[in-house]
């Protein structure tokens, strides 16, 4: 059945508001009809994944084509943010990225700015910029942003691909399906914890196990048994890993997340997760004694609290000459870390602090070849799940163990 459109939406489709909005709403109608959306819902924010590794030359040229339209026709209608970029123009040479990569990045930035997009370059906008409120309809691109916004804040967003997020920014709308609807937000799976994660890597491991067990965008897990409410960074790693391993976009934690967890049907038997299961997950990425090539703190970007923890762990120490330690955060947090002396402390130990990037979106395969990197260590369960596809052998461990390994030059 064709979607219902308002008079203004019909005018957009007819081209009355210019070519960019005509393209945008036609794209949204096709997406909406695929998912049986009845209509479009107004959104208050959009978040675009537009790293140049994914865009390529063709994607950047597409953005540039729309960006040449008259300003009144191309300006976004709602506040629109960007996900991490492909490289940091202040650090790319130190990491072995090329001038061709930097040139393509500069073109993409110029095109997005022409739309009026805010170049936040972050996957943790909920920790830094305009966190959403319960019931707020959004068009968010990054999976970690979506699951955190849906679950922790009770906002409403689907996973929006790059073109769909740009379309939402131009129209101020998105198709009303999936997690914009009450019926899709009810729990479908049940998990009971008999232990609590001890650090962020274990929170990511727990998210990875829940996501792997769910294995579907349409599954909504309910997690019970927590002794203490997790903090923001714990929920960040938990949700990002869950979305990575299972494509899940929403979870419920009674007493932590804001929405009531009402079951649509019979409550299923819970899957029990205890200390043995968490330890086994982490151990599956173990590599004690191996030479370590690169230690990465990213995916998701680090909060100011995490930046402080890295600085504390590195104080008075030096990264091994044969190991690279990369710390990625948002531009806003990088500015704060500069002001507070955290960046200086981290870099004094020989690490690289990069702003506005995320490792696996930054030509990770090319970086491996350019630097001879194979063994990678991180405290991000999301990153160990993804990075093997780029030729790395990943190891998951706590922040402290990662720093110890970077200093020793081997996995400890």
Protein backbone atom coordinates (compact mmCIF):
# COMPACT_ATOMS: atom_id res chain seq x y z
CA UNK A 1 0.00 0.00 0.00
CA UNK A 2 1.38 3.46 -0.90
CA UNK A 3 2.56 5.60 2.01
CA UNK A 4 0.44 8.49 3.20
CA UNK A 5 2.10 11.82 2.46
CA UNK A 6 1.25 15.30 3.72
CA UNK A 7 0.80 18.18 1.29
CA UNK A 8 4.30 19.41 2.06
CA UNK A 9 5.76 15.95 1.47
CA UNK A 10 3.91 15.69 -1.85
CA UNK A 11 5.38 19.08 -2.78
CA UNK A 12 8.87 17.83 -1.94
CA UNK A 13 8.34 14.81 -4.19
CA UNK A 14 7.18 17.11 -6.97
CA UNK A 15 10.37 19.17 -6.70
CA UNK A 16 8.82 22.32 -5.25
CA UNK A 17 11.57 22.50 -2.59
CA UNK A 18 14.47 21.76 -4.93
CA UNK A 19 16.37 18.74 -6.20
CA UNK A 20 18.09 17.68 -2.95
CA UNK A 21 14.76 17.37 -1.10
CA UNK A 22 13.09 15.73 -4.11
CA UNK A 23 15.83 13.08 -4.14
CA UNK A 24 15.64 12.73 -0.36
CA UNK A 25 11.91 12.09 -0.07
CA UNK A 26 11.87 9.73 -3.06
CA UNK A 27 14.58 7.72 -1.33
CA UNK A 28 12.60 7.68 1.91
CA UNK A 29 9.41 6.58 0.19
CA UNK A 30 11.24 3.61 -1.35
CA UNK A 31 12.69 2.63 2.05
CA UNK A 32 9.34 3.13 3.77
CA UNK A 33 7.41 1.06 1.26
CA UNK A 34 9.97 -1.75 1.59
CA UNK A 35 9.34 -1.85 5.36
CA UNK A 36 5.56 -1.30 5.05
CA UNK A 37 5.70 2.10 6.76
CA UNK A 38 2.32 3.83 6.81
CA UNK A 39 3.78 7.34 6.69
CA UNK A 40 6.75 9.50 7.63
CA UNK A 41 7.47 10.68 11.17
CA UNK A 42 9.11 14.06 11.97
CA UNK A 43 12.60 13.75 13.48
CA UNK A 44 14.49 16.24 15.62
CA UNK A 45 18.06 15.11 14.87
CA UNK A 46 20.00 13.21 12.22
CA UNK A 47 23.42 11.56 12.43
CA UNK A 48 25.31 10.69 9.24
CA UNK A 49 27.89 7.96 8.73
CA UNK A 50 29.99 9.42 5.92
CA UNK A 51 33.57 8.23 6.33
CA UNK A 52 35.47 8.36 3.06
CA UNK A 53 36.52 4.70 3.11
CA UNK A 54 32.84 3.79 2.82
CA UNK A 55 31.90 6.67 0.51
CA UNK A 56 34.73 6.23 -1.97
CA UNK A 57 35.12 8.54 -4.94
CA UNK A 58 31.58 7.87 -6.17
CA UNK A 59 29.98 8.67 -2.81
CA UNK A 60 31.89 11.91 -2.40
CA UNK A 61 31.01 12.94 -5.96
CA UNK A 62 27.33 12.26 -5.19
CA UNK A 63 27.48 14.55 -2.13
CA UNK A 64 29.29 17.21 -4.14
CA UNK A 65 26.58 17.09 -6.81
CA UNK A 66 23.80 17.78 -4.30
CA UNK A 67 25.95 20.39 -2.55
CA UNK A 68 26.11 22.53 -5.69
CA UNK A 69 22.36 23.22 -5.55
CA UNK A 70 21.13 26.61 -4.26
CA UNK A 71 21.70 27.04 -0.53
CA UNK A 72 18.01 27.35 0.33
CA UNK A 73 17.40 23.96 -1.32
CA UNK A 74 20.35 22.04 0.19
CA UNK A 75 20.40 23.21 3.83
CA UNK A 76 19.44 20.54 6.35
CA UNK A 77 16.14 21.05 8.19
CA UNK A 78 17.13 19.55 11.57
CA UNK A 79 20.41 19.54 13.53
CA UNK A 80 22.60 17.02 11.75
CA UNK A 81 25.78 15.49 13.15
CA UNK A 82 28.56 13.40 11.65
CA UNK A 83 29.96 10.04 12.69
CA UNK A 84 33.78 9.63 12.87
CA UNK A 85 35.79 10.64 9.80
CA UNK A 86 38.23 8.51 7.84
CA UNK A 87 41.30 10.32 9.13
CA UNK A 88 42.49 13.08 11.43
CA UNK A 89 44.27 15.74 9.39
CA UNK A 90 46.59 16.38 12.35
CA UNK A 91 47.79 12.79 12.74
CA UNK A 92 47.26 10.93 9.45
CA UNK A 93 50.88 11.11 8.32
CA UNK A 94 52.11 9.58 11.59
CA UNK A 95 49.77 6.63 11.03
CA UNK A 96 50.79 6.02 7.43
CA UNK A 97 47.66 7.33 5.72
CA UNK A 98 48.17 8.91 2.30
CA UNK A 99 47.70 12.34 0.73
CA UNK A 100 45.07 10.84 -1.57
CA UNK A 101 43.06 9.76 1.49
CA UNK A 102 43.42 13.24 3.00
CA UNK A 103 42.33 14.91 -0.26
CA UNK A 104 39.17 12.80 -0.48
CA UNK A 105 38.47 13.55 3.19
CA UNK A 106 38.74 17.29 2.60
CA UNK A 107 36.28 17.07 -0.30
CA UNK A 108 33.75 15.16 1.78
CA UNK A 109 34.03 17.66 4.64
CA UNK A 110 33.49 20.60 2.26
CA UNK A 111 30.40 18.95 0.75
CA UNK A 112 28.83 18.14 4.13
CA UNK A 113 29.48 21.66 5.41
CA UNK A 114 27.64 23.01 2.36
CA UNK A 115 24.52 21.21 3.63
CA UNK A 116 24.88 22.89 7.03
CA UNK A 117 25.89 19.64 8.72
CA UNK A 118 27.62 20.03 12.10
CA UNK A 119 31.00 18.31 11.79
CA UNK A 120 30.96 16.61 15.19
CA UNK A 121 32.83 13.55 13.87
CA UNK A 122 31.77 11.34 16.75
CA UNK A 123 30.05 8.06 17.57
CA UNK A 124 29.48 9.18 21.18
CA UNK A 125 27.36 12.26 20.51
CA UNK A 126 25.06 11.07 23.32
CA UNK A 127 27.97 11.70 25.74
CA UNK A 128 28.99 15.04 24.24
CA UNK A 129 26.38 16.79 22.12
CA UNK A 130 22.62 17.10 22.51
CA UNK A 131 21.71 13.76 24.15
CA UNK A 132 18.18 12.76 23.12
CA UNK A 133 15.15 12.54 25.38
CA UNK A 134 12.60 9.79 25.91
CA UNK A 135 10.20 9.47 23.00
CA UNK A 136 12.24 11.74 20.71
CA UNK A 137 12.23 10.49 17.11
CA UNK A 138 15.69 10.48 15.53
CA UNK A 139 17.46 9.39 12.34
CA UNK A 140 20.77 8.04 13.64
CA UNK A 141 23.35 6.25 11.54
CA UNK A 142 25.93 4.66 13.82
CA UNK A 143 24.71 1.39 15.37
CA UNK A 144 26.23 2.22 18.75
CA UNK A 145 24.49 5.60 18.73
CA UNK A 146 21.17 4.00 17.85
CA UNK A 147 21.22 1.30 20.53
CA UNK A 148 22.33 3.76 23.24
CA UNK A 149 19.72 6.35 22.20
CA UNK A 150 16.93 3.78 22.03
CA UNK A 151 17.82 1.91 25.20
CA UNK A 152 19.40 4.29 27.69
CA UNK A 153 17.42 7.41 26.74
CA UNK A 154 14.24 5.83 25.42
CA UNK A 155 14.49 7.75 22.14
CA UNK A 156 13.34 6.21 18.85
CA UNK A 157 15.54 5.50 15.86
CA UNK A 158 16.27 2.77 13.37
CA UNK A 159 19.70 2.09 11.92
CA UNK A 160 19.88 4.69 9.13
CA UNK A 161 22.29 4.13 6.26
CA UNK A 162 24.30 7.11 5.03
CA UNK A 163 21.88 8.12 2.24
CA UNK A 164 18.86 7.61 4.51
CA UNK A 165 20.34 9.78 7.28
CA UNK A 166 21.11 12.53 4.77
CA UNK A 167 17.58 12.23 3.41
CA UNK A 168 16.17 12.61 6.92
CA UNK A 169 18.33 15.68 7.48
CA UNK A 170 17.02 17.28 4.27
CA UNK A 171 13.34 16.47 4.87
CA UNK A 172 13.14 16.45 8.66
CA UNK A 173 11.39 13.08 8.47
CA UNK A 174 12.03 9.35 8.36
CA UNK A 175 9.79 6.35 7.53
CA UNK A 176 7.66 5.28 10.50
CA UNK A 177 8.59 1.61 10.96
CA UNK A 178 10.65 -0.53 13.31
CA UNK A 179 11.76 1.17 16.51
CA UNK A 180 9.57 4.21 15.92
CA UNK A 181 6.61 1.91 16.74
CA UNK A 182 5.54 0.73 20.20
CA UNK A 183 4.99 -2.86 19.10
CA UNK A 184 8.62 -3.28 17.98
CA UNK A 185 10.04 -2.11 21.32
CA UNK A 186 8.75 -4.95 23.51
CA UNK A 187 11.25 -7.55 24.76
CA UNK A 188 11.51 -10.80 22.84
CA UNK A 189 14.49 -12.48 24.59
CA UNK A 190 15.37 -12.91 28.27
CA UNK A 191 18.87 -12.98 29.84
CA UNK A 192 19.75 -13.41 33.50
CA UNK A 193 23.16 -12.47 34.92
CA UNK A 194 24.71 -14.30 37.84
CA UNK A 195 27.82 -12.10 37.88
CA UNK A 196 28.74 -8.50 37.07
CA UNK A 197 31.34 -7.42 34.50
CA UNK A 198 34.49 -6.08 36.13
CA UNK A 199 35.65 -3.59 33.50
CA UNK A 200 34.70 -2.10 30.14
CA UNK A 201 36.14 -4.99 28.13
CA UNK A 202 33.88 -7.38 30.07
CA UNK A 203 30.87 -5.13 29.54
CA UNK A 204 31.64 -5.38 25.84
CA UNK A 205 32.02 -9.14 26.15
CA UNK A 206 28.62 -9.36 27.80
CA UNK A 207 27.10 -7.27 25.00
CA UNK A 208 28.77 -9.50 22.44
CA UNK A 209 27.32 -12.65 24.01
CA UNK A 210 23.81 -11.20 24.18
CA UNK A 211 24.04 -9.92 20.61
CA UNK A 212 25.38 -13.20 19.28
CA UNK A 213 22.56 -15.09 20.99
CA UNK A 214 19.94 -12.73 19.55
CA UNK A 215 21.39 -12.51 16.05
CA UNK A 216 18.62 -10.33 14.61
CA UNK A 217 17.74 -6.67 14.27
CA UNK A 218 14.19 -7.45 15.39
CA UNK A 219 15.13 -9.15 18.67
CA UNK A 220 14.87 -7.03 21.85
CA UNK A 221 16.73 -8.53 24.83
CA UNK A 222 15.77 -7.99 28.46
CA UNK A 223 18.74 -8.24 30.84
CA UNK A 224 18.12 -8.93 34.54
CA UNK A 225 20.25 -9.74 37.57
CA UNK A 226 22.54 -6.71 37.71
CA UNK A 227 23.72 -5.95 41.22
CA UNK A 228 24.57 -2.28 40.57
CA UNK A 229 23.52 0.07 37.77
CA UNK A 230 26.24 0.38 35.11
CA UNK A 231 27.74 3.76 34.27
CA UNK A 232 27.63 5.52 30.93
CA UNK A 233 30.88 4.07 29.54
CA UNK A 234 29.86 0.54 30.56
CA UNK A 235 26.52 0.90 28.78
CA UNK A 236 28.35 2.38 25.80
CA UNK A 237 30.63 -0.65 25.40
CA UNK A 238 27.78 -3.05 26.17
CA UNK A 239 25.43 -1.62 23.56
CA UNK A 240 28.07 -1.08 20.87
CA UNK A 241 29.23 -4.69 21.13
CA UNK A 242 25.67 -6.02 21.20
CA UNK A 243 24.81 -4.14 18.02
CA UNK A 244 28.02 -5.34 16.38
CA UNK A 245 27.58 -9.05 17.19
CA UNK A 246 23.81 -9.22 16.80
CA UNK A 247 22.57 -6.19 14.82
CA UNK A 248 20.30 -5.46 17.80
CA UNK A 249 19.04 -1.89 18.20
CA UNK A 250 17.36 -1.90 21.62
CA UNK A 251 17.72 -3.57 25.02
CA UNK A 252 15.94 -3.27 28.35
CA UNK A 253 17.52 -3.36 31.82
CA UNK A 254 14.86 -3.04 34.55
CA UNK A 255 15.82 -0.27 36.96
CA UNK A 256 18.32 1.19 34.50
CA UNK A 257 16.62 1.86 31.17
CA UNK A 258 13.53 4.11 31.15
CA UNK A 259 10.91 2.12 29.25
CA UNK A 260 8.65 -0.50 30.85
CA UNK A 261 9.48 -3.98 29.57
CA UNK A 262 6.07 -5.36 28.65
CA UNK A 263 6.08 -8.77 26.99
CA UNK A 264 3.99 -9.17 23.86
CA UNK A 265 3.54 -12.91 24.46
CA UNK A 266 4.73 -15.61 26.81
CA UNK A 267 7.97 -14.78 28.58
CA UNK A 268 10.73 -17.12 27.33
CA UNK A 269 13.07 -19.04 29.58
CA UNK A 270 16.09 -16.88 30.42
CA UNK A 271 19.57 -17.52 29.06
CA UNK A 272 21.94 -17.50 32.05
CA UNK A 273 25.30 -15.73 31.76
CA UNK A 274 27.84 -16.06 34.57
CA UNK A 275 31.54 -15.65 35.27
CA UNK A 276 32.54 -18.74 33.30
CA UNK A 277 30.77 -17.51 30.15
CA UNK A 278 32.33 -14.04 30.31
CA UNK A 279 35.81 -15.46 30.95
CA UNK A 280 35.43 -17.88 28.03
CA UNK A 281 34.41 -15.07 25.66
CA UNK A 282 37.44 -12.95 26.62
CA UNK A 283 39.76 -15.97 26.47
CA UNK A 284 38.63 -16.72 22.91
CA UNK A 285 40.53 -13.58 21.90
CA UNK A 286 43.61 -14.32 24.02
CA UNK A 287 47.22 -14.34 22.80
CA UNK A 288 49.51 -14.20 25.83
CA UNK A 289 53.15 -13.71 24.90
CA UNK A 290 52.57 -12.64 21.29
CA UNK A 291 54.41 -9.58 19.98
CA UNK A 292 51.93 -6.70 19.92
CA UNK A 293 51.94 -4.37 16.89
CA UNK A 294 49.20 -1.89 17.74
CA UNK A 295 47.05 -1.15 20.77
CA UNK A 296 43.84 0.72 19.96
CA UNK A 297 41.43 2.54 22.25
CA UNK A 298 38.48 3.30 19.97
CA UNK A 299 35.16 1.89 18.68
CA UNK A 300 33.51 3.59 20.48
CA UNK A 301 35.50 6.79 20.94
CA UNK A 302 36.72 7.50 24.46
CA UNK A 303 34.89 9.66 26.97
CA UNK A 304 36.78 12.19 29.07
CA UNK A 305 36.70 9.70 31.95
CA UNK A 306 38.34 7.05 29.75
CA UNK A 307 40.94 9.56 28.53
CA UNK A 308 41.84 10.24 32.16
CA UNK A 309 42.13 6.50 32.84
CA UNK A 310 44.54 6.04 29.90
CA UNK A 311 46.64 9.00 31.06
CA UNK A 312 46.82 7.58 34.60
CA UNK A 313 47.82 4.12 33.33
CA UNK A 314 50.63 5.61 31.18
CA UNK A 315 52.10 8.05 33.70
CA UNK A 316 55.86 7.59 34.05
CA UNK A 317 55.95 4.87 31.37
CA UNK A 318 56.91 4.61 27.70
CA UNK A 319 55.22 2.73 24.84
CA UNK A 320 57.52 0.06 23.39
CA UNK A 321 59.46 1.17 20.31
CA UNK A 322 57.93 -1.60 18.16
CA UNK A 323 54.33 -0.94 19.26
CA UNK A 324 51.90 1.82 18.33
CA UNK A 325 49.32 2.97 20.88
CA UNK A 326 46.41 4.87 19.32
CA UNK A 327 43.76 6.69 21.34
CA UNK A 328 40.71 8.00 19.45
CA UNK A 329 38.18 10.43 20.87
CA UNK A 330 35.74 13.09 19.69
CA UNK A 331 36.95 16.60 18.79
CA UNK A 332 35.06 18.06 21.77
CA UNK A 333 36.63 15.66 24.25
CA UNK A 334 40.04 16.08 22.60
CA UNK A 335 39.76 19.83 23.22
CA UNK A 336 38.87 19.23 26.87
CA UNK A 337 41.68 16.68 27.21
CA UNK A 338 44.13 19.20 25.74
CA UNK A 339 42.98 21.84 28.22
CA UNK A 340 43.27 19.49 31.18
CA UNK A 341 46.69 18.17 30.22
CA UNK A 342 45.47 14.64 29.54
CA UNK A 343 46.54 14.68 25.88
CA UNK A 344 50.01 15.83 26.82
CA UNK A 345 50.40 13.08 29.42
CA UNK A 346 49.28 10.39 26.95
CA UNK A 347 51.50 11.66 24.13
CA UNK A 348 54.48 12.04 26.48
CA UNK A 349 54.42 8.25 26.78
CA UNK A 350 54.72 7.90 23.00
CA UNK A 351 51.05 7.32 22.14
CA UNK A 352 49.08 8.96 19.34
CA UNK A 353 45.89 10.83 20.27
CA UNK A 354 43.57 11.31 17.29
CA UNK A 355 40.36 13.34 17.16
CA UNK A 356 37.22 12.56 15.18
CA UNK A 357 38.16 9.12 13.86
CA UNK A 358 37.34 5.50 14.58
CA UNK A 359 39.96 2.88 13.78
CA UNK A 360 37.98 0.46 11.63
CA UNK A 361 36.49 3.32 9.57
CA UNK A 362 39.93 4.77 8.86
CA UNK A 363 41.43 2.51 6.15
CA UNK A 364 42.38 -0.15 8.70
CA UNK A 365 43.45 -2.60 6.01
CA UNK A 366 45.75 -0.08 4.38
CA UNK A 367 47.17 0.85 7.79
CA UNK A 368 47.99 -2.80 8.43
CA UNK A 369 49.90 -3.04 5.16
CA UNK A 370 51.66 0.32 5.56
CA UNK A 371 52.85 -0.38 9.10
CA UNK A 372 53.19 -4.15 9.12
CA UNK A 373 50.49 -4.49 11.79
CA UNK A 374 48.89 -7.84 12.51
CA UNK A 375 48.44 -8.39 16.26
CA UNK A 376 46.03 -5.77 17.59
CA UNK A 377 44.97 -5.35 21.22
CA UNK A 378 42.02 -3.38 22.54
CA UNK A 379 39.49 -3.19 25.35
CA UNK A 380 36.66 -2.87 22.80
CA UNK A 381 34.68 -6.04 22.12
CA UNK A 382 33.10 -4.27 19.15
CA UNK A 383 36.51 -3.70 17.59
CA UNK A 384 37.73 -7.29 18.02
CA UNK A 385 34.55 -8.46 16.28
CA UNK A 386 35.11 -6.22 13.26
CA UNK A 387 38.85 -5.91 12.81
CA UNK A 388 39.61 -9.51 11.88
CA UNK A 389 38.01 -8.80 8.52
CA UNK A 390 40.81 -6.32 7.83
CA UNK A 391 43.57 -8.88 8.34
CA UNK A 392 44.30 -8.32 12.03
CA UNK A 393 44.55 -10.89 14.82
CA UNK A 394 42.68 -9.20 17.68
CA UNK A 395 43.09 -9.59 21.43
CA UNK A 396 40.55 -8.35 24.01
CA UNK A 397 41.68 -7.23 27.46
CA UNK A 398 41.15 -4.57 30.12
CA UNK A 399 42.42 -1.02 29.65
CA UNK A 400 45.19 -1.63 32.18
CA UNK A 401 46.29 -4.85 30.50
CA UNK A 402 46.29 -3.10 27.11
CA UNK A 403 48.57 -0.37 28.44
CA UNK A 404 50.86 -2.91 30.11
CA UNK A 405 51.11 -4.74 26.79
CA UNK A 406 51.84 -1.56 24.85
CA UNK A 407 54.71 -0.81 27.24
CA UNK A 408 56.05 -4.40 27.14
CA UNK A 409 55.66 -4.79 23.38
CA UNK A 410 53.90 -8.12 23.84
CA UNK A 411 50.55 -9.38 25.09
CA UNK A 412 50.70 -9.67 28.87
